[in-house]
Amino acid sequence: MMSSPRKPDSTWTIVALAALAHEHRLAAYRLLVEAGPAGLPAGEIAERIGLVPSSLTFHIQALLRAGLISQRRASRHVIYAADFGAMNSLVGFLVQNCCGQEMPVCAPSCNPARPSAKQKALLAKGKSA
């Protein structure tokens, strides 16, 4: 279930970013974003990111408290899903004054970009070092 878009403030943004500031929570969140509104059962999330269920529970709770994901019961399973309203609010807050303008004016500058050839080379060099 997705919530209606929230009006983010600095306090909520800090909580949301703090919840994402861990490799396992970020991996779980990205997996849930990829899964879409249908979400994924807890066991599948744990398996796909290589965590035991008790460790996953700890990390999922941080994402729930931040309001970045939702949960629902489906029979014996707990299904988690990204809250896309919250995600869009967070990203919107971060780029709210992109280039000092309103979003429509500088949207091309704020679109996520793929790494350039130079960035890919630097990344590859860093991994081999």
Protein backbone atom coordinates (compact mmCIF):
# COMPACT_ATOMS: atom_id res chain seq x y z
CA MET A 1 0.00 0.00 0.00
CA MET A 2 1.39 3.37 -0.95
CA SER A 3 0.80 6.46 1.09
CA SER A 4 -0.10 9.80 -0.33
CA PRO A 5 2.91 11.96 -1.04
CA ARG A 6 4.13 13.63 2.12
CA LYS A 7 5.37 17.18 2.50
CA PRO A 8 8.95 16.42 3.54
CA ASP A 9 10.87 18.51 5.99
CA SER A 10 14.49 18.46 7.12
CA THR A 11 13.78 16.26 10.15
CA TRP A 12 12.04 13.53 8.15
CA THR A 13 14.65 13.75 5.39
CA ILE A 14 17.45 13.16 7.90
CA VAL A 15 15.62 10.15 9.36
CA ALA A 16 14.99 8.72 5.87
CA LEU A 17 18.57 9.22 4.73
CA ALA A 18 19.89 7.74 7.99
CA ALA A 19 17.72 4.67 7.43
CA LEU A 20 19.24 4.24 3.97
CA ALA A 21 22.81 4.82 5.22
CA HIS A 22 23.67 1.15 5.69
CA GLU A 23 24.61 -1.32 2.98
CA HIS A 24 21.99 -3.95 3.94
CA ARG A 25 19.15 -1.45 4.33
CA LEU A 26 20.08 0.24 1.06
CA ALA A 27 20.24 -3.14 -0.69
CA ALA A 28 16.84 -4.16 0.71
CA TYR A 29 15.30 -0.82 -0.23
CA ARG A 30 16.65 -0.95 -3.78
CA LEU A 31 15.36 -4.50 -4.11
CA LEU A 32 11.91 -3.36 -2.99
CA VAL A 33 11.94 -0.43 -5.40
CA GLU A 34 12.83 -2.88 -8.18
CA ALA A 35 10.01 -5.22 -7.12
CA GLY A 36 7.44 -2.45 -7.51
CA PRO A 37 4.17 -2.07 -5.62
CA ALA A 38 3.69 -5.84 -5.27
CA GLY A 39 6.67 -5.98 -2.91
CA LEU A 40 8.48 -9.08 -1.71
CA PRO A 41 8.15 -11.51 1.19
CA ALA A 42 10.64 -11.06 3.99
CA GLY A 43 12.28 -14.44 3.37
CA GLU A 44 12.97 -13.63 -0.26
CA ILE A 45 14.49 -10.27 0.64
CA ALA A 46 16.76 -11.93 3.21
CA GLU A 47 17.81 -14.62 0.76
CA ARG A 48 18.49 -12.23 -2.10
CA ILE A 49 20.68 -9.89 -0.04
CA GLY A 50 22.34 -12.70 1.91
CA LEU A 51 21.04 -12.04 5.43
CA VAL A 52 19.59 -14.31 8.06
CA PRO A 53 15.94 -13.40 8.76
CA SER A 54 16.66 -11.98 12.24
CA SER A 55 19.23 -9.56 10.81
CA LEU A 56 16.84 -8.56 8.05
CA THR A 57 14.14 -7.77 10.62
CA PHE A 58 16.47 -5.31 12.35
CA HIS A 59 17.21 -3.49 9.09
CA ILE A 60 13.63 -3.57 7.79
CA GLN A 61 12.41 -1.98 11.03
CA ALA A 62 14.61 1.06 10.39
CA LEU A 63 13.09 1.46 6.92
CA LEU A 64 9.58 1.07 8.33
CA ARG A 65 10.18 3.65 11.09
CA ALA A 66 11.45 6.08 8.47
CA GLY A 67 8.27 5.58 6.44
CA LEU A 68 10.17 4.42 3.36
CA ILE A 69 8.46 1.03 3.13
CA SER A 70 5.15 -0.55 4.07
CA GLN A 71 4.24 -4.03 5.21
CA ARG A 72 1.20 -6.23 4.82
CA ARG A 73 0.25 -9.79 5.67
CA ALA A 74 -0.45 -12.34 2.96
CA SER A 75 -1.39 -15.58 4.66
CA ARG A 76 1.66 -16.53 6.76
CA HIS A 77 4.01 -14.15 4.96
CA VAL A 78 4.88 -10.55 5.63
CA ILE A 79 5.22 -8.65 2.39
CA TYR A 80 7.27 -5.48 2.29
CA ALA A 81 7.00 -2.85 -0.43
CA ALA A 82 8.67 0.46 -1.14
CA ASP A 83 6.47 3.45 -0.41
CA PHE A 84 6.81 5.26 -3.71
CA GLY A 85 5.08 8.38 -2.38
CA ALA A 86 7.72 8.66 0.34
CA MET A 87 10.50 7.92 -2.14
CA ASN A 88 9.30 10.62 -4.52
CA SER A 89 8.94 13.07 -1.64
CA LEU A 90 12.49 12.37 -0.50
CA VAL A 91 13.95 12.80 -3.97
CA GLY A 92 11.79 15.87 -4.52
CA PHE A 93 13.07 17.44 -1.32
CA LEU A 94 16.67 16.76 -2.33
CA VAL A 95 16.28 18.38 -5.75
CA GLN A 96 13.68 20.96 -4.75
CA ASN A 97 15.84 23.91 -5.70
CA CYS A 98 17.94 22.19 -8.32
CA CYS A 99 20.11 24.75 -10.09
CA GLY A 100 18.41 27.44 -7.99
CA GLN A 101 15.28 27.10 -10.13
CA GLU A 102 11.95 25.35 -10.10
CA MET A 103 12.12 21.68 -11.14
CA PRO A 104 10.68 22.01 -14.67
CA VAL A 105 13.36 24.52 -15.63
CA CYS A 106 16.35 22.34 -14.77
CA ALA A 107 14.87 18.85 -14.90
CA PRO A 108 17.35 17.65 -17.56
CA SER A 109 20.23 18.66 -15.26
CA CYS A 110 18.70 16.72 -12.36
CA ASN A 111 17.89 13.47 -14.14
CA PRO A 112 19.87 10.48 -12.86
CA ALA A 113 22.69 9.79 -15.28
CA ARG A 114 24.50 6.67 -16.33
CA PRO A 115 28.24 6.72 -15.63
CA SER A 116 30.28 8.26 -18.45
CA ALA A 117 33.05 6.27 -20.12
CA LYS A 118 35.56 8.18 -17.99
CA GLN A 119 33.64 7.37 -14.78
CA LYS A 120 33.39 3.70 -15.78
CA ALA A 121 37.16 3.59 -16.38
CA LEU A 122 37.83 5.17 -12.98
CA LEU A 123 35.46 2.73 -11.29
CA ALA A 124 37.09 -0.24 -13.02
CA LYS A 125 40.54 1.04 -12.08
CA GLY A 126 39.47 1.44 -8.46
CA LYS A 127 38.10 -2.11 -8.30
CA SER A 128 41.30 -3.61 -9.68
CA ALA A 129 43.53 -1.61 -7.34
